[in-house]
Protein backbone atom coordinates (compact mmCIF):
# COMPACT_ATOMS: atom_id res chain seq x y z
CA MET A 1 -57.99 -1.44 41.49
CA ILE A 2 -59.98 -4.12 40.63
CA LEU A 3 -59.42 -7.65 42.20
CA LYS A 4 -60.32 -10.90 40.47
CA LYS A 5 -60.43 -14.34 41.34
CA VAL A 6 -57.46 -16.25 39.88
CA GLY A 7 -57.66 -19.84 39.06
CA ARG A 8 -54.95 -22.68 39.66
CA LYS A 9 -53.02 -23.05 36.63
CA GLY A 10 -50.47 -25.51 35.82
CA LEU A 11 -46.97 -25.80 34.58
CA SER A 12 -48.11 -26.06 30.83
CA GLU A 13 -49.71 -22.61 31.44
CA GLY A 14 -47.01 -20.56 31.83
CA ARG A 15 -46.95 -20.78 35.71
CA ALA A 16 -44.60 -22.40 37.63
CA HIS A 17 -44.84 -20.62 41.10
CA PRO A 18 -48.21 -19.98 43.51
CA PRO A 19 -49.29 -16.55 43.02
CA ALA A 20 -47.91 -15.95 46.66
CA MET A 21 -44.03 -16.82 45.54
CA ARG A 22 -44.32 -14.06 43.10
CA CYS A 23 -43.00 -11.23 44.86
CA ARG A 24 -40.26 -13.21 47.19
CA MET A 25 -37.10 -13.78 46.35
CA LEU A 26 -34.02 -16.09 48.02
CA GLY A 27 -31.32 -14.12 49.48
CA ARG A 28 -27.67 -15.39 49.35
CA SER A 29 -28.30 -17.21 52.96
CA GLY A 30 -30.87 -19.19 51.54
CA ARG A 31 -33.44 -16.86 53.81
CA ILE A 32 -36.71 -15.43 51.73
CA ARG A 33 -36.46 -11.63 50.74
CA SER A 34 -39.59 -10.09 51.03
CA ARG A 35 -40.54 -6.95 48.38
CA GLU A 36 -40.53 -4.46 51.17
CA GLN A 37 -36.97 -5.30 52.05
CA ASN A 38 -35.38 -5.19 48.24
CA ILE A 39 -37.16 -1.58 48.10
CA ILE A 40 -35.50 -0.56 51.39
CA LEU A 41 -32.25 -2.10 50.29
CA LEU A 42 -32.56 -0.13 46.59
CA VAL A 43 -33.62 2.77 48.77
CA VAL A 44 -30.03 2.49 50.84
CA ALA A 45 -28.19 2.13 47.39
CA VAL A 46 -29.33 5.26 45.99
CA VAL A 47 -28.74 7.09 49.13
CA ILE A 48 -24.82 6.06 49.42
CA VAL A 49 -24.23 6.81 45.60
CA ALA A 50 -26.07 10.11 46.11
CA LEU A 51 -23.32 10.37 48.80
CA LEU A 52 -20.30 9.32 47.15
CA TRP A 53 -20.97 10.87 43.71
CA ASN A 54 -18.19 13.73 43.93
CA PHE A 55 -15.88 11.09 44.90
CA ILE A 56 -17.03 9.09 41.80
CA GLY A 57 -16.39 11.87 39.90
CA VAL A 58 -12.91 12.72 41.18
CA ILE A 59 -11.97 8.99 40.70
CA LEU A 60 -13.14 9.09 36.91
CA ARG A 61 -11.40 12.44 36.32
CA VAL A 62 -8.39 10.99 37.23
CA ALA A 63 -8.52 8.00 35.44
CA LEU A 64 -9.42 10.17 32.41
CA PHE A 65 -6.03 11.96 33.18
CA ALA A 66 -4.19 9.17 33.18
CA VAL A 67 -5.62 7.81 30.19
CA VAL A 68 -4.77 11.16 28.56
CA VAL A 69 -1.26 11.05 29.79
CA TYR A 70 -0.86 7.52 28.43
CA LEU A 71 -1.64 8.10 24.87
CA VAL A 72 0.13 11.51 24.67
CA TYR A 73 3.07 9.44 25.89
CA ARG A 74 2.60 6.32 23.55
CA LEU A 75 2.02 9.53 20.66
CA LEU A 76 5.35 10.93 21.45
CA GLN A 77 7.21 7.57 21.60
CA SER A 78 6.01 6.46 18.33
CA TRP A 79 7.54 9.85 16.82
CA THR A 80 11.07 9.14 18.24
C-alpha cells in the first residue's frame, strides 16, 4: 500500500471531518466506537445467528404453515 500525504481540504471540497474521524462512530451512549469494536460486534452477531439458525428455520416453517392453513380456511369459507 502506498501512503501519500493528504492535504487539508475544506468543507466545500467534500470532506466534512478530519481523516482521524472517518473510522469512528458514535454509539448509543455517546461514546465513540472504533472500527475494531464494530468488527467484533459483527462477528458476535454472525455467531449468534449461526447458533440460532435452526430455531429461525423452525419459526419460519411454523409461520408458513399458519399462512397456508389460513389460506385454505378462507378458500373453504368462500365455497360455503
